[in-house]
Protein backbone atom coordinates (compact mmCIF):
# COMPACT_ATOMS: atom_id res chain seq x y z
CA MET A 1 101.60 11.35 193.54
CA HIS A 2 101.42 13.34 196.89
CA ASN A 3 104.73 11.06 197.93
CA LEU A 4 106.07 11.54 194.60
CA LYS A 5 105.13 15.83 194.63
CA SER A 6 107.08 16.17 198.88
CA PHE A 7 109.66 14.10 197.09
CA ILE A 8 110.49 16.44 194.38
CA GLN A 9 109.97 19.80 197.06
CA ASN A 10 112.43 18.04 200.02
CA ASN A 11 114.71 17.25 196.76
CA THR A 12 114.64 19.90 194.07
CA LEU A 13 118.35 19.44 193.43
CA ILE A 14 118.78 15.85 192.92
CA CYS A 15 115.97 16.08 190.79
CA TRP A 16 117.78 18.63 188.53
CA VAL A 17 120.39 15.55 188.63
CA ILE A 18 118.32 13.52 187.29
CA GLY A 19 116.58 15.81 185.28
CA PHE A 20 119.87 16.68 183.23
CA GLN A 21 120.58 12.92 183.10
CA ILE A 22 117.02 11.95 181.12
CA PHE A 23 117.56 14.94 179.02
CA ARG A 24 121.11 12.98 177.57
CA PHE A 25 120.09 10.04 177.59
CA LEU A 26 117.10 11.05 175.14
CA THR A 27 119.82 13.02 173.57
CA LEU A 28 121.29 10.25 172.67
CA PRO A 29 119.42 8.57 169.45
CA PHE A 30 119.93 11.99 168.02
CA MET A 31 123.37 12.05 168.00
CA GLY A 32 125.20 11.08 165.16
CA LEU A 33 128.56 9.49 164.82
CA MET A 34 131.76 11.59 165.10
CA PRO A 35 135.26 10.59 164.59
CA GLN A 36 136.40 10.29 168.09
CA ASP A 37 134.23 7.39 168.63
CA ALA A 38 135.01 5.72 164.92
CA TYR A 39 138.44 6.07 165.68
CA TYR A 40 138.13 4.34 169.05
CA PHE A 41 136.19 1.94 167.69
CA LEU A 42 138.43 1.00 166.25
CA TYR A 43 140.71 0.28 168.93
CA GLY A 44 138.21 -2.02 170.15
CA GLN A 45 138.03 -3.86 167.12
CA ASN A 46 141.62 -4.52 166.82
CA LEU A 47 142.77 -4.81 170.47
CA SER A 48 146.44 -4.66 171.86
CA LEU A 49 148.07 -3.92 174.61
CA SER A 50 148.28 0.10 174.62
CA TYR A 51 147.61 2.68 170.96
CA PHE A 52 149.78 4.91 169.60
CA ASP A 53 148.10 8.13 170.63
CA HIS A 54 146.51 6.61 174.24
CA PRO A 55 146.31 3.83 176.36
CA GLY A 56 143.20 1.38 175.13
CA MET A 57 140.63 1.52 178.11
CA ILE A 58 138.27 3.62 176.26
CA GLY A 59 138.29 1.32 172.97
CA TYR A 60 138.13 -1.95 175.76
CA LEU A 61 135.24 -0.53 176.60
CA LEU A 62 133.77 0.37 173.14
CA ARG A 63 134.21 -3.50 172.36
CA LEU A 64 132.94 -4.98 175.50
CA PHE A 65 129.61 -2.94 174.86
CA SER A 66 129.37 -3.74 171.63
CA GLU A 67 130.07 -7.49 172.32
CA ILE A 68 126.88 -6.65 174.49
CA PHE A 69 124.54 -4.77 172.63
CA GLY A 70 125.44 -4.85 169.41
CA LYS A 71 127.30 -2.46 167.12
CA SER A 72 125.55 1.43 166.32
CA VAL A 73 126.25 4.40 167.29
CA PHE A 74 123.79 4.78 169.87
CA VAL A 75 125.55 1.08 171.55
CA ILE A 76 128.80 3.77 171.41
CA LYS A 77 126.96 6.98 172.59
CA PHE A 78 125.06 4.95 175.16
CA THR A 79 128.78 3.33 176.33
CA ASP A 80 130.29 7.00 176.91
CA PHE A 81 126.80 8.49 178.95
CA THR A 82 126.39 4.70 181.52
CA ILE A 83 130.90 5.57 181.58
CA THR A 84 129.81 9.37 182.54
CA THR A 85 127.02 8.60 185.00
CA PHE A 86 129.10 5.88 187.18
CA THR A 87 131.41 8.86 187.20
CA ILE A 88 128.64 11.03 188.55
CA LEU A 89 127.65 8.45 191.05
CA ALA A 90 131.35 8.41 192.23
CA PHE A 91 131.99 12.12 192.30
CA TYR A 92 128.95 11.89 194.73
CA LYS A 93 130.42 9.56 197.39
CA LEU A 94 133.71 11.42 197.16
CA ALA A 95 132.03 15.04 197.68
CA SER A 96 130.54 13.71 200.26
CA TYR A 97 133.95 12.88 202.36
CA PHE A 98 134.39 16.94 202.37
CA LEU A 99 130.94 17.89 202.08
CA SER A 100 127.91 18.64 204.17
CA LYS A 101 124.71 16.68 202.58
CA ARG A 102 123.51 20.03 201.97
CA LYS A 103 127.03 21.53 200.10
CA THR A 104 126.80 17.68 198.83
CA GLU A 105 124.35 17.80 196.53
CA ARG A 106 125.57 21.33 195.74
CA ALA A 107 128.57 20.33 194.21
CA LEU A 108 126.73 17.34 192.83
CA ILE A 109 123.83 19.77 190.85
CA LEU A 110 127.29 21.49 189.66
CA ILE A 111 128.88 18.87 188.06
CA THR A 112 126.01 17.46 186.31
CA SER A 113 125.08 20.91 185.26
CA THR A 114 128.08 21.71 183.52
CA LEU A 115 128.33 21.29 179.27
CA PHE A 116 131.87 18.75 179.93
CA ILE A 117 129.63 15.94 181.79
CA SER A 118 127.47 16.16 178.82
CA ILE A 119 130.13 16.18 175.91
CA LEU A 120 131.75 12.90 178.30
CA SER A 121 128.03 11.41 177.72
CA PHE A 122 128.20 11.86 173.90
CA ASN A 123 131.62 11.79 172.36
CA SER A 124 133.54 9.27 172.79
CA THR A 125 137.67 10.17 174.26
CA PRO A 126 140.14 9.21 177.09
CA ASP A 127 138.53 11.52 179.37
CA VAL A 128 135.66 8.84 179.24
CA PRO A 129 137.24 6.07 181.36
CA LEU A 130 140.30 8.91 183.06
CA LEU A 131 137.38 10.99 184.86
CA LEU A 132 135.65 7.79 186.44
CA PHE A 133 139.40 5.82 187.31
CA TRP A 134 140.73 9.32 188.74
CA THR A 135 137.21 9.69 190.64
CA LEU A 136 138.03 6.65 191.82
CA SER A 137 140.91 7.08 193.00
CA LEU A 138 140.46 9.64 194.90
CA ILE A 139 137.75 7.94 196.50
CA CYS A 140 140.37 4.78 197.14
CA VAL A 141 143.38 7.62 198.59
CA TYR A 142 140.81 8.80 201.12
CA LYS A 143 139.72 6.13 202.28
CA ALA A 144 143.56 4.57 203.28
CA ILE A 145 144.72 8.07 204.32
CA PHE A 146 141.98 9.39 206.64
CA GLU A 147 140.17 6.61 207.58
CA GLU A 148 143.15 4.06 207.85
CA LYS A 149 142.33 1.74 205.96
CA LYS A 150 145.09 -0.46 204.39
CA TRP A 151 143.52 -2.35 201.75
CA TYR A 152 142.70 0.79 199.86
CA TRP A 153 145.68 1.33 199.63
CA ILE A 154 145.88 -1.56 197.45
CA PHE A 155 142.53 -0.63 195.52
CA ALA A 156 144.13 2.63 194.74
CA GLY A 157 146.79 0.92 192.38
CA ILE A 158 144.28 -0.53 191.51
CA ALA A 159 142.34 2.51 190.32
CA MET A 160 145.89 4.77 189.46
CA GLY A 161 146.43 1.99 187.01
CA LEU A 162 143.39 1.53 185.38
CA ALA A 163 143.37 5.24 184.86
CA PHE A 164 146.55 5.53 183.54
CA ASN A 165 145.67 2.94 180.95
CA SER A 166 142.83 5.43 180.23
CA LYS A 167 144.76 8.31 179.43
CA TYR A 168 148.81 9.53 180.45
CA THR A 169 147.64 12.88 181.96
CA ALA A 170 146.53 10.19 185.39
CA VAL A 171 150.05 9.73 185.82
CA LEU A 172 149.48 13.57 187.83
CA LEU A 173 147.34 11.12 190.79
CA GLN A 174 150.89 9.56 192.23
CA LEU A 175 152.10 13.18 191.76
CA GLY A 176 149.32 14.72 193.56
CA LEU A 177 149.04 11.92 196.14
CA ILE A 178 153.05 12.51 197.34
CA ALA A 179 152.64 16.33 197.14
CA PHE A 180 149.99 16.00 199.46
CA LEU A 181 152.17 13.77 201.83
CA ILE A 182 155.37 16.70 201.31
CA PHE A 183 152.91 19.26 202.03
CA SER A 184 150.66 17.76 204.77
CA ASN A 185 152.08 17.83 208.70
CA LYS A 186 149.84 15.42 210.33
CA TYR A 187 149.90 12.82 207.06
CA ARG A 188 153.93 13.50 206.22
CA LYS A 189 155.07 10.19 208.51
CA LEU A 190 152.58 7.82 205.32
CA LEU A 191 155.84 9.24 203.43
CA LEU A 192 157.97 6.22 204.94
CA SER A 193 154.57 4.44 204.72
CA PRO A 194 155.18 0.63 203.35
CA TRP A 195 151.86 0.55 202.26
CA LEU A 196 152.02 3.73 200.10
CA TRP A 197 154.48 2.63 198.05
CA PHE A 198 152.88 -0.72 198.05
CA SER A 199 150.28 0.89 196.05
CA ILE A 200 152.37 3.48 193.60
CA LEU A 201 154.22 -0.31 192.89
CA ILE A 202 150.75 -1.91 192.49
CA SER A 203 149.95 1.00 190.03
CA ILE A 204 152.97 0.58 187.93
CA LEU A 205 152.01 -3.15 187.28
CA VAL A 206 148.47 -2.59 186.56
CA MET A 207 150.10 0.06 183.96
CA PHE A 208 152.89 -2.23 182.77
CA PRO A 209 150.58 -3.57 179.35
CA VAL A 210 151.11 0.61 178.07
CA PHE A 211 154.60 0.37 179.00
CA TRP A 212 155.55 -2.90 177.45
CA TRP A 213 153.68 -1.53 174.06
CA ASN A 214 155.87 1.37 174.17
CA TYR A 215 159.03 -1.30 174.74
CA GLN A 216 158.12 -3.10 171.51
CA HIS A 217 157.54 -0.48 169.31
CA ASP A 218 160.41 1.90 169.90
CA PHE A 219 158.07 3.84 172.69
CA ALA A 220 156.09 5.57 170.70
CA SER A 221 153.76 6.61 172.07
CA PHE A 222 155.43 8.41 174.78
CA ALA A 223 157.56 10.29 172.36
CA PHE A 224 154.41 11.09 170.56
CA GLN A 225 152.93 12.69 173.57
CA SER A 226 156.17 14.16 174.32
CA SER A 227 158.19 15.67 171.99
CA GLU A 228 156.35 17.23 169.86
CA ARG A 229 154.67 18.95 172.43
CA THR A 230 157.89 19.92 175.10
CA SER A 231 159.46 21.02 171.53
CA SER A 232 156.12 23.82 170.61
CA ILE A 233 156.59 24.61 174.48
CA SER A 234 160.21 25.30 174.37
CA GLU A 235 160.20 28.04 171.27
CA PHE A 236 158.29 30.25 174.32
CA GLU A 237 156.33 32.24 171.19
CA ILE A 238 153.41 34.46 173.65
CA SER A 239 150.48 33.89 172.37
CA PRO A 240 147.35 35.39 173.24
CA THR A 241 145.15 34.06 171.20
CA ASN A 242 146.14 30.84 173.23
CA PHE A 243 144.97 32.18 176.77
CA LEU A 244 142.47 33.93 175.64
CA GLY A 245 140.77 30.88 173.92
CA ALA A 246 141.88 28.40 176.66
CA ILE A 247 139.31 30.99 179.11
CA ALA A 248 136.37 30.47 176.52
CA HIS A 249 137.17 26.83 176.56
CA GLN A 250 136.68 26.49 179.65
CA LEU A 251 133.78 29.36 180.38
CA LEU A 252 132.04 26.81 178.22
CA LEU A 253 132.74 23.41 180.22
CA LEU A 254 132.05 24.78 182.98
CA LEU A 255 129.59 27.79 182.34
CA PRO A 256 130.67 30.93 183.99
CA VAL A 257 129.46 30.85 187.41
CA LEU A 258 131.30 27.29 187.92
CA PHE A 259 134.37 28.46 186.46
CA LEU A 260 134.47 32.29 187.80
CA VAL A 261 134.22 30.77 190.70
CA MET A 262 137.40 28.05 190.48
CA ILE A 263 139.74 31.11 189.66
CA THR A 264 137.99 33.20 192.89
CA PHE A 265 138.74 30.03 195.10
CA THR A 266 142.10 29.42 193.66
CA PHE A 267 143.23 32.94 194.17
CA LYS A 268 141.62 32.83 197.94
CA TYR A 269 144.71 29.79 198.19
CA PHE A 270 147.42 30.99 196.34
CA LYS A 271 147.33 34.24 198.30
CA LYS A 272 147.17 32.70 202.04
CA ALA A 273 149.74 30.33 200.92
CA LEU A 274 151.76 33.24 199.87
CA THR A 275 151.61 35.95 202.29
CA LYS A 276 150.53 34.12 204.78
CA PHE A 277 152.47 30.82 204.26
CA LYS A 278 149.43 29.38 205.76
CA ILE A 279 149.15 25.42 204.60
CA PRO A 280 144.96 24.72 204.16
CA GLN A 281 143.57 22.08 206.83
CA ALA A 282 144.16 18.28 205.41
CA LYS A 283 141.32 17.83 203.46
CA THR A 284 141.61 20.95 201.52
CA LEU A 285 144.99 20.62 201.13
CA PHE A 286 143.75 16.91 199.63
CA LEU A 287 141.74 17.97 196.84
CA LEU A 288 143.70 21.04 196.31
CA ALA A 289 146.97 18.59 195.82
CA PHE A 290 144.98 17.17 192.55
CA PHE A 291 143.65 20.10 191.54
CA ILE A 292 146.60 22.65 191.31
CA PRO A 293 149.07 20.74 189.10
CA THR A 294 146.23 20.63 186.22
CA PHE A 295 144.32 23.34 186.59
CA VAL A 296 146.92 25.64 187.55
CA GLY A 297 149.63 24.07 185.36
CA PHE A 298 147.61 23.34 182.63
CA PHE A 299 146.62 27.19 182.08
CA SER A 300 150.44 28.38 183.06
CA ILE A 301 151.14 27.14 179.75
CA THR A 302 148.63 28.93 177.39
CA PRO A 303 150.25 32.03 176.97
CA ILE A 304 152.89 30.07 175.15
CA TYR A 305 150.92 26.98 173.68
CA TRP A 306 147.51 25.26 172.36
CA VAL A 307 146.41 23.45 175.50
CA LYS A 308 143.17 21.73 174.30
CA LEU A 309 140.13 21.62 176.13
CA ASN A 310 139.96 18.39 177.64
CA TRP A 311 143.52 18.43 179.61
CA LEU A 312 141.58 20.08 182.77
CA MET A 313 138.66 18.02 182.91
CA PRO A 314 140.70 16.14 185.55
CA SER A 315 141.00 18.90 188.19
CA TYR A 316 136.49 19.58 188.04
CA ILE A 317 137.06 16.62 190.07
CA SER A 318 138.38 17.84 193.54
CA GLY A 319 138.67 22.03 192.09
CA ILE A 320 134.35 21.33 191.67
CA ILE A 321 134.08 19.76 195.48
CA LEU A 322 136.41 22.92 196.61
CA ALA A 323 133.80 24.98 194.75
CA GLY A 324 130.52 23.50 196.87
CA MET A 325 132.57 25.26 200.12
CA PHE A 326 131.98 28.31 198.03
CA ILE A 327 128.62 28.45 195.93
CA SER A 328 125.71 30.08 197.31
CA LYS A 329 122.56 28.60 196.82
CA LYS A 330 121.69 32.01 194.69
CA LEU A 331 124.88 31.31 192.91
CA VAL A 332 123.98 27.08 191.99
CA LYS A 333 120.68 28.40 190.73
CA THR A 334 122.28 30.48 188.68
CA GLN A 335 124.51 27.82 187.31
CA ILE A 336 121.47 26.28 186.80
CA VAL A 337 119.70 28.64 184.58
CA PHE A 338 123.19 28.81 182.50
CA SER A 339 122.93 25.51 182.52
CA VAL A 340 119.02 24.85 180.99
CA ILE A 341 120.12 27.12 178.70
CA PHE A 342 122.98 26.02 176.80
CA HIS A 343 121.72 22.56 176.90
CA LEU A 344 118.89 23.73 175.20
CA LEU A 345 120.89 25.34 172.11
CA VAL A 346 122.55 22.10 171.50
CA MET A 347 119.73 20.30 171.43
CA VAL A 348 118.41 22.34 168.67
CA GLN A 349 122.09 22.37 167.22
CA ILE A 350 121.27 18.85 167.48
CA LEU A 351 117.89 18.26 166.17
CA PHE A 352 118.35 20.97 163.49
CA TYR A 353 122.45 22.02 162.71
CA VAL A 354 121.18 25.68 162.76
CA PHE A 355 124.74 26.46 162.67
CA PRO A 356 127.58 24.86 160.38
CA ILE A 357 130.55 23.09 161.78
CA LYS A 358 133.07 23.90 159.40
CA SER A 359 135.37 21.09 160.46
CA ASP A 360 135.53 17.18 160.46
CA ASP A 361 134.49 17.32 164.21
CA THR A 362 131.51 17.07 163.39
CA TRP A 363 128.51 14.15 164.00
CA ILE A 364 127.11 14.93 160.47
CA GLY A 365 127.44 13.28 157.81
CA TRP A 366 129.58 10.25 157.69
CA LYS A 367 127.19 7.97 157.37
CA LYS A 368 125.75 9.31 153.45
CA LEU A 369 129.21 10.09 152.37
CA ALA A 370 129.50 5.77 153.13
CA LEU A 371 126.57 5.47 151.01
CA GLU A 372 128.21 7.59 148.24
CA THR A 373 131.46 6.45 148.74
CA ALA A 374 129.75 2.86 147.95
CA ASN A 375 127.72 4.06 144.79
CA LEU A 376 131.42 5.48 143.55
CA GLN A 377 132.33 2.44 144.00
CA LYS A 378 129.96 0.68 141.61
CA LYS A 379 130.82 2.70 139.15
CA PHE A 380 134.68 2.21 139.99
CA PRO A 381 134.62 -1.41 140.62
CA ASN A 382 137.78 -3.25 142.83
CA THR A 383 138.83 -0.44 144.49
CA PHE A 384 140.10 0.60 147.71
CA VAL A 385 139.07 3.48 149.44
CA PHE A 386 141.00 5.63 151.56
CA SER A 387 141.88 9.55 152.76
CA ASP A 388 144.42 11.50 154.47
CA ASP A 389 142.90 13.81 157.76
CA PHE A 390 145.31 12.04 159.93
CA TYR A 391 141.95 9.36 161.22
CA LYS A 392 138.45 10.95 161.10
CA THR A 393 137.73 10.90 157.87
CA SER A 394 138.88 7.10 157.63
CA ALA A 395 138.02 5.99 160.85
CA CYS A 396 134.24 7.16 159.84
CA LEU A 397 134.04 5.40 156.48
CA ASN A 398 135.70 2.02 158.29
CA PHE A 399 133.20 2.71 160.62
CA TYR A 400 129.65 2.15 158.32
CA MET A 401 131.60 0.40 155.49
CA ASN A 402 131.79 -3.41 155.17
CA GLN A 403 135.93 -3.13 153.79
CA LYS A 404 138.80 -1.86 155.69
CA VAL A 405 139.28 1.41 154.85
CA TYR A 406 142.76 3.09 154.92
CA ALA A 407 144.48 6.46 155.82
CA GLN A 408 147.09 8.53 154.81
CA ASN A 409 149.99 5.49 154.87
CA ILE A 410 148.78 4.63 151.76
CA ILE A 411 150.71 7.42 150.50
CA GLY A 412 153.50 6.94 153.43
CA LEU A 413 152.40 10.06 155.13
CA PRO A 414 152.41 9.33 159.42
CA ALA A 415 149.29 7.88 160.05
CA LEU A 416 148.65 7.84 163.92
CA HIS A 417 147.20 4.00 164.71
CA PHE A 418 146.95 2.98 161.16
CA ASP A 419 150.23 2.33 161.31
CA TYR A 420 150.38 -0.46 163.49
CA LEU A 421 147.34 -2.23 162.46
CA GLY A 422 149.62 -4.68 160.43
CA ASP A 423 148.75 -4.10 157.25
CA ASP A 424 150.96 -5.71 154.38
CA LEU A 425 150.21 -2.63 151.93
CA SER A 426 152.33 -4.60 149.38
CA ASN A 427 148.87 -6.58 148.59
CA LEU A 428 147.03 -3.73 147.26
CA ASP A 429 150.03 -2.89 144.49
CA SER A 430 148.68 -2.63 140.76
CA LYS A 431 144.91 -1.61 142.01
CA ASN A 432 143.34 1.49 141.99
CA ALA A 433 141.80 3.44 144.84
CA LEU A 434 138.67 6.18 145.63
CA PHE A 435 140.97 8.85 147.63
CA ILE A 436 138.13 10.73 150.18
CA ASP A 437 138.85 14.18 150.58
CA SER A 438 137.19 16.92 153.16
CA ASP A 439 136.66 19.82 152.66
CA LYS A 440 136.06 21.58 155.58
CA ARG A 441 135.33 25.31 154.25
CA PHE A 442 133.15 24.29 151.92
CA ILE A 443 132.36 27.38 150.00
CA ASP A 444 131.44 26.10 146.76
CA LYS A 445 130.60 22.66 144.65
CA LYS A 446 133.46 23.49 142.65
CA LYS A 447 136.15 20.52 142.35
CA LYS A 448 139.68 21.24 143.99
CA GLU A 449 141.35 20.90 140.37
CA GLU A 450 144.47 20.52 142.38
CA ILE A 451 145.80 16.67 142.70
CA HIS A 452 147.86 15.84 146.20
CA PRO A 453 151.76 15.72 145.46
CA GLU A 454 151.28 12.08 147.52
CA LEU A 455 149.05 10.46 145.30
CA LYS A 456 151.39 11.37 141.97
CA LYS A 457 154.43 9.79 143.38
CA TYR A 458 152.30 6.26 144.74
CA PHE A 459 149.76 6.00 141.80
CA LYS A 460 149.89 6.23 137.86
CA LYS A 461 147.43 8.28 137.06
CA VAL A 462 144.90 10.40 139.44
CA THR A 463 141.42 11.89 138.05
CA GLU A 464 139.64 13.84 139.83
CA ILE A 465 135.67 13.23 139.13
CA GLU A 466 133.02 15.09 141.20
CA PRO A 467 132.78 15.43 144.76
CA ILE A 468 130.27 14.44 147.11
CA ILE A 469 128.20 16.89 148.21
CA ILE A 470 125.75 16.33 151.85
CA SER A 471 122.71 17.42 152.14
CA ILE A 472 120.84 17.22 155.82
CA ASN A 473 117.76 18.51 155.79
CA GLY A 474 117.20 19.75 152.80
CA LYS A 475 120.34 21.84 153.33
CA GLU A 476 123.51 21.43 151.57
CA VAL A 477 125.97 21.22 154.22
CA ARG A 478 129.71 19.18 153.64
CA LYS A 479 131.64 18.08 150.86
CA PHE A 480 134.23 15.84 150.14
CA TRP A 481 136.94 15.29 146.98
CA VAL A 482 137.19 12.41 145.14
CA PHE A 483 140.19 11.37 142.97
CA TYR A 484 140.29 7.81 141.00
CA CYS A 485 143.76 6.97 141.16
CA GLU A 486 144.40 3.92 139.56
CA ASN A 487 147.90 1.46 139.30
CA TYR A 488 149.08 1.41 143.37
CA ASN A 489 152.33 1.19 143.93
CA ALA A 490 153.53 0.55 147.60
CA ASN A 491 157.21 0.65 146.92
CA PRO A 492 157.61 3.59 144.83
CA PHE A 493 161.61 4.57 145.63
């Protein structure tokens, strides 16, 4: 008992880190299925070299864990929690290369206390493996450059390739590496090193499955991720709402103390570079090379484009280490206070669902929807089920129901990776269906009294039936309109 008390007194920050992780682990059983969980689980159940909207690493990991531990919502959450815990451990190792032991522990509690780590621990997204392999890439590149361990160029190439196989944002790793070498007087000579280019070649070879899948499918994924966003940015419409929304998201993900520290040191380094033409010392420049392009780059387009809250996450790895160089013990304590308050609020929301979420991006109601839908199929036998919200309802029902559930490709609309599952929809000809349509607003329990125009093209008759109402703790929280569709024709034109 004395030894435990002594350990806690001497390792207060480490105890806080352990405490946050225990809190997250204990929260896992209470988290319901998120649509993203179900969609990327679908990836894993339909193995492919890559997928329409993202590379497949998160799907492969979910498949691996489900093969070992079985299919359940807890196993999905446990996968995210485990990978994110490895990310935290890798971050601690990386931070130790740049900071003293005391400051390394501060950086560790900074990253562990954030809400973005909680989000990654609870919700399956490509960012879960991305941040792990991003961090491992920085470790390997550091070893290769600063410790001159040439074998680490090979490991760096593998890690950068696996990061890209997690999410396309990882291409900024190679760009950051080259940018560092260009601006570094001491290490610029490495641009001529065959080891550098061998590392990049290895990363490309590891990425090859993603490129090959895109080649086989007319570069559909690359086009989806680039053309639509490029078109929106090129319109150049100033939107203060987008900018303020991005700030609000970052304040939430990082919490106010850490976010403001990041903004402060970013301004500081830019001021020195622009007014004094001063390049930071090599190790600081290294961290900035993997922070500035992502953090400042994405932030710079927020006035003209809605930047998703997770796009900046890779920059947090080196950004938090930089923050660890400046942040005081007092500010770290303030960060912990903010974190405890926000995490308690999250727990209350998870347990009691105090604030209704007017969105399909929720963990509430999906299992009950599947049960109600199965009951409707008893009333309307020999029907297949489909939905039209890109992937959310379809993916969740696919997870819970012992049958294939379809998306909006049933009525000729683009349906993300559902279009690439190899389904022959003509096999459904002449069959009847149940169309499930989520009412995100849920103002009343009335029918929609409006039929989706595409339904009329693909079915001979469409009849709206009573909506499905989902109750949680005696409170009605979600609503789904339901339509009985008769005599499907996969090729009506």
